[in-house]
Protein backbone atom coordinates (compact mmCIF):
# COMPACT_ATOMS: atom_id res chain seq x y z
CA MET A 1 -16.11 -18.59 9.48
CA SER A 2 -13.95 -16.10 12.45
CA ARG A 3 -11.16 -15.64 9.43
CA VAL A 4 -14.15 -14.35 7.60
CA GLY A 5 -15.29 -11.97 10.05
CA SER A 6 -11.96 -10.81 11.06
CA ASP A 7 -11.27 -10.19 6.83
CA ALA A 8 -14.68 -8.66 6.30
CA HIS A 9 -13.79 -6.61 9.49
CA LEU A 10 -10.49 -5.22 8.17
CA ALA A 11 -11.78 -4.50 5.06
CA LEU A 12 -14.71 -2.39 6.26
CA ALA A 13 -11.85 -0.75 8.20
CA ILE A 14 -10.08 0.25 5.08
CA MET A 15 -13.16 1.69 3.59
CA ASN A 16 -14.09 3.58 6.45
CA ASP A 17 -10.81 5.09 5.97
CA GLN A 18 -11.23 6.02 2.85
CA SER A 19 -14.35 7.76 3.21
CA HIS A 20 -13.01 10.41 5.92
CA TYR A 21 -9.57 10.60 3.15
CA GLN A 22 -9.98 14.62 1.73
CA SER A 23 -6.47 15.15 0.07
CA ASP A 24 -5.02 18.42 1.19
CA LEU A 25 -3.17 18.77 -2.80
CA PRO A 26 -4.65 21.83 -5.26
CA GLY A 27 -7.02 21.22 -8.35
CA PRO A 28 -5.38 18.63 -10.66
CA LEU A 29 -2.81 16.98 -8.10
CA GLY A 30 -5.96 16.68 -5.16
CA TRP A 31 -8.27 14.50 -7.93
CA ILE A 32 -5.82 12.71 -8.93
CA ASP A 33 -4.57 12.01 -5.22
CA THR A 34 -8.07 11.03 -4.16
CA LEU A 35 -8.42 9.11 -7.14
CA ILE A 36 -5.61 6.89 -6.58
CA SER A 37 -6.71 6.24 -2.97
CA LYS A 38 -10.10 5.52 -3.55
CA PHE A 39 -8.53 2.86 -6.04
CA GLU A 40 -6.14 1.61 -3.43
CA ALA A 41 -9.11 1.28 -0.93
CA PHE A 42 -11.01 -0.60 -3.41
CA ALA A 43 -8.05 -3.06 -4.48
CA LEU A 44 -6.81 -3.89 -0.96
CA ALA A 45 -10.63 -4.33 0.48
CA ALA A 46 -11.96 -6.51 -2.27
CA GLY A 47 -8.35 -8.25 -2.41
CA VAL A 48 -8.45 -9.40 1.84
CA LEU A 49 -12.03 -10.35 1.22
CA LEU A 50 -11.08 -12.43 -1.55
CA MET A 51 -8.46 -13.91 -0.20
CA ALA A 52 -10.46 -15.12 2.80
CA LEU A 53 -13.31 -16.35 0.75
CA ASN A 54 -10.90 -18.42 -1.79
CA THR A 55 -8.91 -19.42 1.88
CA CYS A 56 -12.69 -20.90 3.18
CA VAL A 57 -13.49 -22.22 -0.46
CA ASN A 58 -10.38 -24.07 -0.59
CA VAL A 59 -10.67 -25.46 2.86
CA VAL A 60 -14.31 -26.44 2.34
CA ALA A 61 -13.71 -28.51 -1.01
CA ARG A 62 -10.42 -30.17 0.67
CA PHE A 63 -12.98 -31.68 3.59
CA VAL A 64 -15.82 -32.41 1.41
CA PHE A 65 -14.37 -33.52 -2.08
CA GLY A 66 -11.26 -34.68 -0.48
CA GLU A 67 -8.89 -32.32 -2.70
CA GLY A 68 -8.34 -28.65 -2.75
CA LEU A 69 -8.82 -26.84 -5.36
CA PHE A 70 -5.96 -26.52 -7.86
CA PHE A 71 -5.79 -23.26 -8.51
CA SER A 72 -6.27 -21.57 -5.03
CA GLY A 73 -2.41 -21.05 -4.29
CA GLU A 74 -2.25 -19.38 -7.37
CA ILE A 75 -4.95 -16.78 -7.07
CA ASN A 76 -3.94 -16.01 -3.24
CA ARG A 77 -0.30 -15.83 -4.19
CA ILE A 78 -1.62 -12.61 -6.63
CA LEU A 79 -3.64 -11.31 -4.20
CA ILE A 80 -1.03 -11.42 -1.55
CA ILE A 81 1.19 -9.26 -4.05
CA LEU A 82 -1.79 -7.19 -4.46
CA ILE A 83 -2.70 -6.22 -1.21
CA THR A 84 1.37 -5.91 0.19
CA PHE A 85 2.16 -3.99 -2.82
CA ALA A 86 -1.51 -1.45 -3.07
CA GLY A 87 -1.11 -1.34 0.63
CA MET A 88 2.12 0.24 0.67
CA GLY A 89 0.47 3.53 -1.25
CA TYR A 90 -2.56 3.07 0.99
CA ALA A 91 0.32 3.34 4.27
CA ALA A 92 2.29 5.87 3.56
CA ARG A 93 -0.78 8.29 2.71
CA HIS A 94 -2.32 7.53 5.95
CA GLY A 95 1.13 7.55 7.78
CA ARG A 96 0.55 4.24 9.42
CA HIS A 97 4.57 3.50 8.05
CA ILE A 98 6.37 1.76 11.38
CA ARG A 99 8.60 4.22 12.40
CA MET A 100 11.77 4.22 14.67
CA SER A 101 11.30 7.32 17.03
CA ALA A 102 12.73 7.11 20.35
CA LEU A 103 15.51 9.85 19.10
CA TYR A 104 13.15 11.73 17.16
CA ASP A 105 10.83 12.10 20.02
CA LEU A 106 13.27 14.07 21.84
CA LEU A 107 13.71 17.13 19.41
CA PRO A 108 11.60 19.77 19.44
CA LYS A 109 9.05 20.63 16.30
CA LEU A 110 11.62 22.52 14.32
CA GLY A 111 13.96 19.54 14.49
CA ARG A 112 11.23 16.80 14.15
CA LYS A 113 10.29 18.81 10.98
CA ILE A 114 13.81 18.92 9.48
CA VAL A 115 14.14 14.83 9.98
CA MET A 116 11.01 14.17 9.05
CA THR A 117 11.64 15.99 5.97
CA ALA A 118 14.88 14.16 5.36
CA ILE A 119 13.08 11.26 6.13
CA VAL A 120 10.69 10.96 3.91
CA ILE A 121 12.69 12.39 0.78
CA LEU A 122 14.96 9.61 1.33
CA THR A 123 12.22 7.68 1.57
CA ALA A 124 10.74 8.47 -2.19
CA GLY A 125 14.01 8.31 -3.50
CA VAL A 126 14.36 4.54 -2.24
CA MET A 127 11.22 3.89 -3.36
CA TYR A 128 11.60 4.98 -6.74
CA PHE A 129 14.89 3.35 -6.96
CA LEU A 130 12.84 0.00 -6.26
CA ALA A 131 10.08 0.96 -8.73
CA TYR A 132 13.01 1.29 -11.56
CA LEU A 133 14.29 -2.27 -10.68
CA SER A 134 11.36 -3.95 -10.51
CA PHE A 135 9.86 -2.73 -13.48
CA GLU A 136 13.37 -4.35 -14.88
CA TYR A 137 12.59 -7.65 -13.17
CA VAL A 138 8.87 -7.39 -15.14
CA MET A 139 10.03 -6.78 -18.18
CA SER A 140 12.59 -9.86 -17.97
CA THR A 141 9.78 -11.41 -16.87
CA TYR A 142 7.62 -10.20 -19.81
CA GLU A 143 10.71 -11.34 -22.17
CA ARG A 144 10.63 -14.86 -21.09
CA GLY A 145 7.44 -15.58 -21.78
CA ARG A 146 6.54 -17.57 -18.40
CA ILE A 147 3.33 -18.42 -17.31
CA LEU A 148 0.84 -19.61 -14.38
CA PRO A 149 1.13 -23.45 -14.43
CA ALA A 150 -2.67 -23.75 -13.24
CA LEU A 151 -4.11 -20.33 -14.00
CA GLY A 152 -2.63 -20.40 -17.78
CA PHE A 153 -1.74 -16.76 -18.14
CA PRO A 154 1.57 -14.53 -17.93
CA ILE A 155 3.18 -14.29 -14.48
CA TRP A 156 4.05 -10.40 -15.58
CA TRP A 157 0.45 -9.56 -15.07
CA ILE A 158 0.65 -10.38 -11.48
CA TYR A 159 4.40 -8.65 -10.90
CA ILE A 160 2.80 -4.95 -12.51
CA TRP A 161 1.40 -4.43 -8.72
CA VAL A 162 5.28 -4.12 -7.62
CA PRO A 163 6.56 -0.57 -9.57
CA MET A 164 3.12 0.47 -9.63
CA GLY A 165 3.15 0.10 -6.00
CA PHE A 166 6.47 1.48 -5.42
CA ALA A 167 5.70 4.50 -7.73
CA VAL A 168 2.66 5.56 -5.97
CA THR A 169 4.13 5.27 -2.29
CA GLY A 170 7.42 7.74 -3.79
CA VAL A 171 4.85 9.68 -5.01
CA GLN A 172 2.89 9.45 -1.56
CA TYR A 173 6.48 10.55 -0.03
CA THR A 174 6.88 13.15 -2.50
CA MET A 175 3.97 15.10 -1.52
CA THR A 176 4.79 14.62 2.06
CA ALA A 177 7.68 16.34 1.54
CA ILE A 178 6.59 19.22 -0.20
CA LYS A 179 4.02 19.30 2.69
CA ASN A 180 6.59 19.30 5.48
CA LEU A 181 8.38 22.12 3.18
CA THR A 182 5.34 24.71 2.66
CA ALA A 183 3.50 23.91 6.03
CA ASP A 184 4.00 25.26 10.03
CA ASP A 185 3.10 21.59 10.93
CA VAL A 186 5.76 18.37 11.66
CA TYR A 187 3.45 16.11 8.74
CA LEU A 188 3.40 12.34 8.40
CA SER A 189 1.49 12.55 5.39
CA THR A 190 -0.09 15.10 3.08
CA GLY A 191 -3.07 14.74 5.69
CA VAL A 192 -2.06 13.18 8.45
CA THR A 193 -0.18 15.74 11.27
CA ASP A 194 2.50 13.84 13.59
CA GLY A 195 0.22 15.14 16.38
CA TYR A 196 2.39 16.40 19.32
CA SER A 197 0.79 18.48 21.63
CA ASN A 198 3.49 19.57 23.25
CA ASP A 199 5.45 20.92 20.53
CA SER A 200 8.35 23.47 21.54
């Protein structure tokens, strides 16, 4: 039950973050960004809660009936893929990806701005490349016609989140690059500043 409680707390934190998110992008881009962010938050919160529920039900079934749910592992596999790749765009949007910043922290504001812009442009390029490779993999899985043994539906359905996640994350980093090129502050994402108070 503590697992369910901690996962419920995480889901609430995700939804709370989303409720405070406001896209800074103008016009239709801002509307699309907000729509994607709402979908990501819902997918993450629902995925975390469903995985906790599925795991708990499987444990109860194993102890009460002597046998777990035969499809439980596949459901968790689907949810892990969903959470991982929906979470990439979410983390990029909220500036929460891990950063190695020992040397970066020593730079003045202009230096940090240049380095951050270069980092997000390079990261966006890597994300688009990975989106292309993963799309090719999804297409090859589709052509093979493989299915999940327990649930019985095509495997490519669960992998479609991978190129989508990489593409959305690439878009987030592209928009962060634009934000850093057009704004005065240093931005980790379109709505999150670097947060240094002693800029020089």
